[in-house]
Amino acid sequence: MYYEYLTVGIILFILGVLGIVLNRSNLIIMLMSIELMLLAISFLFLINSVVIDNLIGQIFTILILTVAAAESAIGLAILVAYYRVRGTIAVRSLNLLRG
């Protein structure tokens, strides 16, 4: 039935978590992993919404996708500005922002 879709959503979420845990040196890959986790949660909300025949999951999915789009746009803008100033986006060099 819908167990295959649930499995795909859970695997996508686990891949996003592994992307953050295993790769702490590249900030862009970390942002992409967060986006993958948000997409997996949205997918799971949609599947549950279809199964229980309720629109709340679809509304939450629209809200999550809106927040994810804003987060990625602001995050990439900050990364571009930081790269222009420092010349690198390594996570180790972000400690210089503490002041």
C-alpha atoms as a PDB file:
ATOM      1  CA  MET A   1       0.000   0.000   0.000  1.00  0.00           C
ATOM      2  CA  TYR A   2       1.650   3.164   1.213  1.00  0.00           C
ATOM      3  CA  TYR A   3       4.471   1.515   3.166  1.00  0.00           C
ATOM      4  CA  GLU A   4       6.812   1.956   0.222  1.00  0.00           C
ATOM      5  CA  TYR A   5       6.276   5.706   0.313  1.00  0.00           C
ATOM      6  CA  LEU A   6       6.856   5.821   4.055  1.00  0.00           C
ATOM      7  CA  THR A   7      10.079   3.885   3.578  1.00  0.00           C
ATOM      8  CA  VAL A   8      11.269   6.321   0.908  1.00  0.00           C
ATOM      9  CA  GLY A   9      10.487   9.296   3.158  1.00  0.00           C
ATOM     10  CA  ILE A  10      12.307   7.797   6.117  1.00  0.00           C
ATOM     11  CA  ILE A  11      15.330   6.905   3.967  1.00  0.00           C
ATOM     12  CA  LEU A  12      15.454  10.477   2.606  1.00  0.00           C
ATOM     13  CA  PHE A  13      15.351  11.870   6.137  1.00  0.00           C
ATOM     14  CA  ILE A  14      18.116   9.517   7.303  1.00  0.00           C
ATOM     15  CA  LEU A  15      20.254  10.541   4.309  1.00  0.00           C
ATOM     16  CA  GLY A  16      19.790  14.183   5.281  1.00  0.00           C
ATOM     17  CA  VAL A  17      20.815  13.490   8.870  1.00  0.00           C
ATOM     18  CA  LEU A  18      23.852  11.519   7.695  1.00  0.00           C
ATOM     19  CA  GLY A  19      24.798  14.378   5.374  1.00  0.00           C
ATOM     20  CA  ILE A  20      24.939  16.743   8.348  1.00  0.00           C
ATOM     21  CA  VAL A  21      26.635  14.333  10.738  1.00  0.00           C
ATOM     22  CA  LEU A  22      29.275  12.971   8.370  1.00  0.00           C
ATOM     23  CA  ASN A  23      30.135  16.194   6.543  1.00  0.00           C
ATOM     24  CA  ARG A  24      30.946  19.058   8.845  1.00  0.00           C
ATOM     25  CA  SER A  25      33.488  20.771   6.602  1.00  0.00           C
ATOM     26  CA  ASN A  26      31.360  21.999   3.673  1.00  0.00           C
ATOM     27  CA  LEU A  27      28.598  24.424   4.525  1.00  0.00           C
ATOM     28  CA  ILE A  28      26.769  24.108   1.204  1.00  0.00           C
ATOM     29  CA  ILE A  29      26.375  20.352   1.628  1.00  0.00           C
ATOM     30  CA  MET A  30      25.070  20.942   5.136  1.00  0.00           C
ATOM     31  CA  LEU A  31      22.432  23.350   3.781  1.00  0.00           C
ATOM     32  CA  MET A  32      21.467  20.837   1.103  1.00  0.00           C
ATOM     33  CA  SER A  33      21.115  18.147   3.767  1.00  0.00           C
ATOM     34  CA  ILE A  34      18.775  20.374   5.765  1.00  0.00           C
ATOM     35  CA  GLU A  35      16.720  20.945   2.623  1.00  0.00           C
ATOM     36  CA  LEU A  36      16.597  17.180   2.037  1.00  0.00           C
ATOM     37  CA  MET A  37      15.344  16.639   5.580  1.00  0.00           C
ATOM     38  CA  LEU A  38      12.631  19.266   5.114  1.00  0.00           C
ATOM     39  CA  LEU A  39      11.618  17.649   1.830  1.00  0.00           C
ATOM     40  CA  ALA A  40      11.405  14.222   3.479  1.00  0.00           C
ATOM     41  CA  ILE A  41       9.211  15.571   6.278  1.00  0.00           C
ATOM     42  CA  SER A  42       6.988  17.289   3.705  1.00  0.00           C
ATOM     43  CA  PHE A  43       6.707  14.037   1.779  1.00  0.00           C
ATOM     44  CA  LEU A  44       5.730  12.162   4.939  1.00  0.00           C
ATOM     45  CA  PHE A  45       3.119  14.803   5.770  1.00  0.00           C
ATOM     46  CA  LEU A  46       1.653  14.416   2.283  1.00  0.00           C
ATOM     47  CA  ILE A  47       1.525  10.625   2.529  1.00  0.00           C
ATOM     48  CA  ASN A  48      -0.193  10.747   5.916  1.00  0.00           C
ATOM     49  CA  SER A  49      -2.590  13.397   4.639  1.00  0.00           C
ATOM     50  CA  VAL A  50      -3.639  11.171   1.742  1.00  0.00           C
ATOM     51  CA  VAL A  51      -3.985   8.096   3.950  1.00  0.00           C
ATOM     52  CA  ILE A  52      -6.185   9.715   6.598  1.00  0.00           C
ATOM     53  CA  ASP A  53      -7.987  11.921   4.029  1.00  0.00           C
ATOM     54  CA  ASN A  54      -7.241  15.210   5.756  1.00  0.00           C
ATOM     55  CA  LEU A  55      -6.004  18.528   4.350  1.00  0.00           C
ATOM     56  CA  ILE A  56      -3.921  19.559   7.371  1.00  0.00           C
ATOM     57  CA  GLY A  57      -0.873  17.630   6.147  1.00  0.00           C
ATOM     58  CA  GLN A  58      -1.036  19.369   2.786  1.00  0.00           C
ATOM     59  CA  ILE A  59      -1.278  22.782   4.448  1.00  0.00           C
ATOM     60  CA  PHE A  60       1.732  21.972   6.625  1.00  0.00           C
ATOM     61  CA  THR A  61       3.618  20.853   3.525  1.00  0.00           C
ATOM     62  CA  ILE A  62       2.981  24.174   1.809  1.00  0.00           C
ATOM     63  CA  LEU A  63       4.196  26.008   4.919  1.00  0.00           C
ATOM     64  CA  ILE A  64       7.319  23.838   5.167  1.00  0.00           C
ATOM     65  CA  LEU A  65       8.184  24.372   1.502  1.00  0.00           C
ATOM     66  CA  THR A  66       7.724  28.130   1.895  1.00  0.00           C
ATOM     67  CA  VAL A  67      10.021  28.240   4.915  1.00  0.00           C
ATOM     68  CA  ALA A  68      12.558  26.004   3.127  1.00  0.00           C
ATOM     69  CA  ALA A  69      12.638  28.311   0.103  1.00  0.00           C
ATOM     70  CA  ALA A  70      13.160  31.384   2.285  1.00  0.00           C
ATOM     71  CA  GLU A  71      15.823  29.616   4.344  1.00  0.00           C
ATOM     72  CA  SER A  72      17.775  28.489   1.309  1.00  0.00           C
ATOM     73  CA  ALA A  73      17.631  31.940  -0.316  1.00  0.00           C
ATOM     74  CA  ILE A  74      18.818  33.734   2.814  1.00  0.00           C
ATOM     75  CA  GLY A  75      21.427  31.076   3.584  1.00  0.00           C
ATOM     76  CA  LEU A  76      22.919  31.199   0.101  1.00  0.00           C
ATOM     77  CA  ALA A  77      22.967  34.999   0.149  1.00  0.00           C
ATOM     78  CA  ILE A  78      24.865  34.958   3.442  1.00  0.00           C
ATOM     79  CA  LEU A  79      27.281  32.348   2.064  1.00  0.00           C
ATOM     80  CA  VAL A  80      28.000  34.410  -1.045  1.00  0.00           C
ATOM     81  CA  ALA A  81      28.616  37.536   1.025  1.00  0.00           C
ATOM     82  CA  TYR A  82      30.874  35.632   3.425  1.00  0.00           C
ATOM     83  CA  TYR A  83      32.802  34.066   0.546  1.00  0.00           C
ATOM     84  CA  ARG A  84      33.426  37.475  -0.973  1.00  0.00           C
ATOM     85  CA  VAL A  85      34.835  38.776   2.318  1.00  0.00           C
ATOM     86  CA  ARG A  86      36.890  35.765   3.476  1.00  0.00           C
ATOM     87  CA  GLY A  87      37.537  33.794   0.290  1.00  0.00           C
ATOM     88  CA  THR A  88      36.419  30.479   1.820  1.00  0.00           C
ATOM     89  CA  ILE A  89      33.260  28.946   3.249  1.00  0.00           C
ATOM     90  CA  ALA A  90      34.891  26.263   5.388  1.00  0.00           C
ATOM     91  CA  VAL A  91      33.068  25.640   8.642  1.00  0.00           C
ATOM     92  CA  ARG A  92      36.344  25.896  10.566  1.00  0.00           C
ATOM     93  CA  SER A  93      36.766  29.502   9.466  1.00  0.00           C
ATOM     94  CA  LEU A  94      33.284  30.470  10.662  1.00  0.00           C
ATOM     95  CA  ASN A  95      34.628  30.783  14.214  1.00  0.00           C
ATOM     96  CA  LEU A  96      35.994  34.149  13.132  1.00  0.00           C
ATOM     97  CA  LEU A  97      32.436  35.511  13.149  1.00  0.00           C
ATOM     98  CA  ARG A  98      32.153  35.313  16.932  1.00  0.00           C
ATOM     99  CA  GLY A  99      33.834  38.653  17.416  1.00  0.00           C
END
